[in-house]
Amino acid sequence: MWRNPRIHGPEREKIWLACDEHLRFLYDYLRAREFPARIDDAVGEGEGEPE
């Protein structure tokens, strides 16, 4: 989850998915630009669905 505080308020967050291999790069990229960012667990296809 991330947002650009220069454009949007705290109520507007964006989801940017990344695989394990690229997760740290993406997070560092956002933080280097001073964008608020956090890493949440993603629900993959078929996971978390009611049976």
N, C-alpha and C. Protein backbone atom coordinates (compact mmCIF):
# COMPACT_ATOMS: atom_id res chain seq x y z
N MET A 1 0.86 -1.17 0.00
CA MET A 1 0.00 0.00 0.00
C MET A 1 0.90 1.23 0.00
N TRP A 2 0.51 2.21 -0.81
CA TRP A 2 1.29 3.44 -0.85
C TRP A 2 0.40 4.58 -1.33
N ARG A 3 0.92 5.80 -1.20
CA ARG A 3 0.22 6.96 -1.73
C ARG A 3 1.22 8.08 -1.97
N ASN A 4 0.81 9.00 -2.80
CA ASN A 4 1.60 10.19 -3.06
C ASN A 4 0.97 11.33 -2.28
N PRO A 5 1.58 11.75 -1.17
CA PRO A 5 0.95 12.76 -0.32
C PRO A 5 0.88 14.14 -0.97
N ARG A 6 1.62 14.37 -2.03
CA ARG A 6 1.55 15.65 -2.73
C ARG A 6 0.27 15.77 -3.55
N ILE A 7 -0.34 14.62 -3.85
CA ILE A 7 -1.54 14.60 -4.70
C ILE A 7 -2.78 14.17 -3.93
N HIS A 8 -2.64 13.18 -3.02
CA HIS A 8 -3.79 12.58 -2.35
C HIS A 8 -3.64 12.64 -0.83
N GLY A 9 -4.79 12.71 -0.18
CA GLY A 9 -4.83 12.68 1.28
C GLY A 9 -4.71 11.26 1.79
N PRO A 10 -4.69 11.09 3.12
CA PRO A 10 -4.50 9.78 3.73
C PRO A 10 -5.59 8.76 3.39
N GLU A 11 -6.76 9.23 2.96
CA GLU A 11 -7.85 8.30 2.63
C GLU A 11 -7.62 7.60 1.28
N ARG A 12 -6.69 8.06 0.48
CA ARG A 12 -6.45 7.48 -0.85
C ARG A 12 -5.14 6.69 -0.83
N GLU A 13 -5.24 5.38 -0.82
CA GLU A 13 -4.07 4.51 -0.90
C GLU A 13 -4.16 3.69 -2.17
N LYS A 14 -3.01 3.33 -2.68
CA LYS A 14 -2.95 2.52 -3.90
C LYS A 14 -2.30 1.19 -3.56
N ILE A 15 -2.68 0.18 -4.30
CA ILE A 15 -2.11 -1.15 -4.13
C ILE A 15 -1.13 -1.39 -5.27
N TRP A 16 0.06 -1.80 -4.92
CA TRP A 16 1.06 -2.14 -5.92
C TRP A 16 1.59 -3.51 -5.53
N LEU A 17 1.26 -4.51 -6.32
CA LEU A 17 1.66 -5.87 -6.03
C LEU A 17 3.07 -6.13 -6.53
N ALA A 18 3.80 -6.95 -5.79
CA ALA A 18 5.16 -7.33 -6.18
C ALA A 18 5.44 -8.74 -5.71
N CYS A 19 6.20 -9.46 -6.49
CA CYS A 19 6.62 -10.80 -6.08
C CYS A 19 7.70 -10.66 -5.01
N ASP A 20 8.01 -11.76 -4.34
CA ASP A 20 9.02 -11.74 -3.28
C ASP A 20 10.36 -11.21 -3.78
N GLU A 21 10.69 -11.53 -5.01
CA GLU A 21 11.98 -11.12 -5.57
C GLU A 21 12.10 -9.59 -5.71
N HIS A 22 10.99 -8.92 -5.97
CA HIS A 22 11.03 -7.48 -6.22
C HIS A 22 10.42 -6.62 -5.12
N LEU A 23 9.92 -7.24 -4.08
CA LEU A 23 9.23 -6.52 -3.01
C LEU A 23 10.11 -5.47 -2.36
N ARG A 24 11.31 -5.82 -1.96
CA ARG A 24 12.21 -4.88 -1.27
C ARG A 24 12.58 -3.72 -2.20
N PHE A 25 12.84 -4.00 -3.47
CA PHE A 25 13.17 -2.93 -4.42
C PHE A 25 12.03 -1.93 -4.53
N LEU A 26 10.81 -2.42 -4.66
CA LEU A 26 9.65 -1.54 -4.80
C LEU A 26 9.46 -0.69 -3.54
N TYR A 27 9.56 -1.31 -2.39
CA TYR A 27 9.39 -0.59 -1.13
C TYR A 27 10.46 0.50 -1.00
N ASP A 28 11.71 0.16 -1.28
CA ASP A 28 12.79 1.14 -1.20
C ASP A 28 12.59 2.28 -2.20
N TYR A 29 12.10 1.97 -3.38
CA TYR A 29 11.82 2.96 -4.42
C TYR A 29 10.80 3.99 -3.91
N LEU A 30 9.71 3.50 -3.32
CA LEU A 30 8.66 4.39 -2.81
C LEU A 30 9.15 5.22 -1.64
N ARG A 31 9.87 4.59 -0.72
CA ARG A 31 10.37 5.32 0.46
C ARG A 31 11.43 6.35 0.09
N ALA A 32 12.24 6.08 -0.94
CA ALA A 32 13.25 7.03 -1.38
C ALA A 32 12.59 8.32 -1.90
N ARG A 33 11.38 8.21 -2.37
CA ARG A 33 10.62 9.37 -2.86
C ARG A 33 9.73 9.96 -1.77
N GLU A 34 9.91 9.46 -0.56
CA GLU A 34 9.18 9.92 0.62
C GLU A 34 7.67 9.69 0.51
N PHE A 35 7.29 8.63 -0.21
CA PHE A 35 5.89 8.23 -0.27
C PHE A 35 5.61 7.32 0.93
N PRO A 36 4.53 7.57 1.67
CA PRO A 36 4.16 6.63 2.73
C PRO A 36 3.88 5.26 2.08
N ALA A 37 4.48 4.24 2.63
CA ALA A 37 4.32 2.89 2.08
C ALA A 37 4.35 1.88 3.21
N ARG A 38 3.61 0.81 3.02
CA ARG A 38 3.65 -0.30 3.98
C ARG A 38 3.46 -1.60 3.19
N ILE A 39 3.94 -2.66 3.77
CA ILE A 39 3.83 -3.97 3.13
C ILE A 39 2.75 -4.76 3.85
N ASP A 40 1.71 -5.13 3.11
CA ASP A 40 0.63 -5.98 3.62
C ASP A 40 0.70 -7.32 2.91
N ASP A 41 0.20 -8.35 3.55
CA ASP A 41 0.08 -9.64 2.88
C ASP A 41 -0.98 -9.54 1.80
N ALA A 42 -0.68 -10.08 0.66
CA ALA A 42 -1.65 -10.11 -0.44
C ALA A 42 -2.39 -11.44 -0.42
N VAL A 43 -3.59 -11.42 -0.89
CA VAL A 43 -4.35 -12.66 -1.03
C VAL A 43 -4.21 -13.10 -2.47
N GLY A 44 -3.62 -14.27 -2.67
CA GLY A 44 -3.41 -14.78 -4.01
C GLY A 44 -4.67 -15.41 -4.56
N GLU A 45 -4.62 -15.76 -5.81
CA GLU A 45 -5.76 -16.37 -6.48
C GLU A 45 -6.17 -17.64 -5.74
N GLY A 46 -7.42 -17.70 -5.37
CA GLY A 46 -7.95 -18.88 -4.69
C GLY A 46 -7.73 -18.90 -3.19
N GLU A 47 -6.92 -17.99 -2.66
CA GLU A 47 -6.68 -17.96 -1.23
C GLU A 47 -7.68 -17.02 -0.58
N GLY A 48 -8.10 -17.35 0.62
CA GLY A 48 -9.00 -16.51 1.35
C GLY A 48 -10.43 -16.53 0.87
N GLU A 49 -10.75 -17.37 -0.07
CA GLU A 49 -12.10 -17.45 -0.58
C GLU A 49 -12.93 -18.38 0.30
N PRO A 50 -14.17 -18.03 0.57
CA PRO A 50 -15.02 -18.95 1.34
C PRO A 50 -15.27 -20.23 0.56
N GLU A 51 -15.41 -21.32 1.29
CA GLU A 51 -15.66 -22.61 0.61
C GLU A 51 -17.11 -22.88 0.47
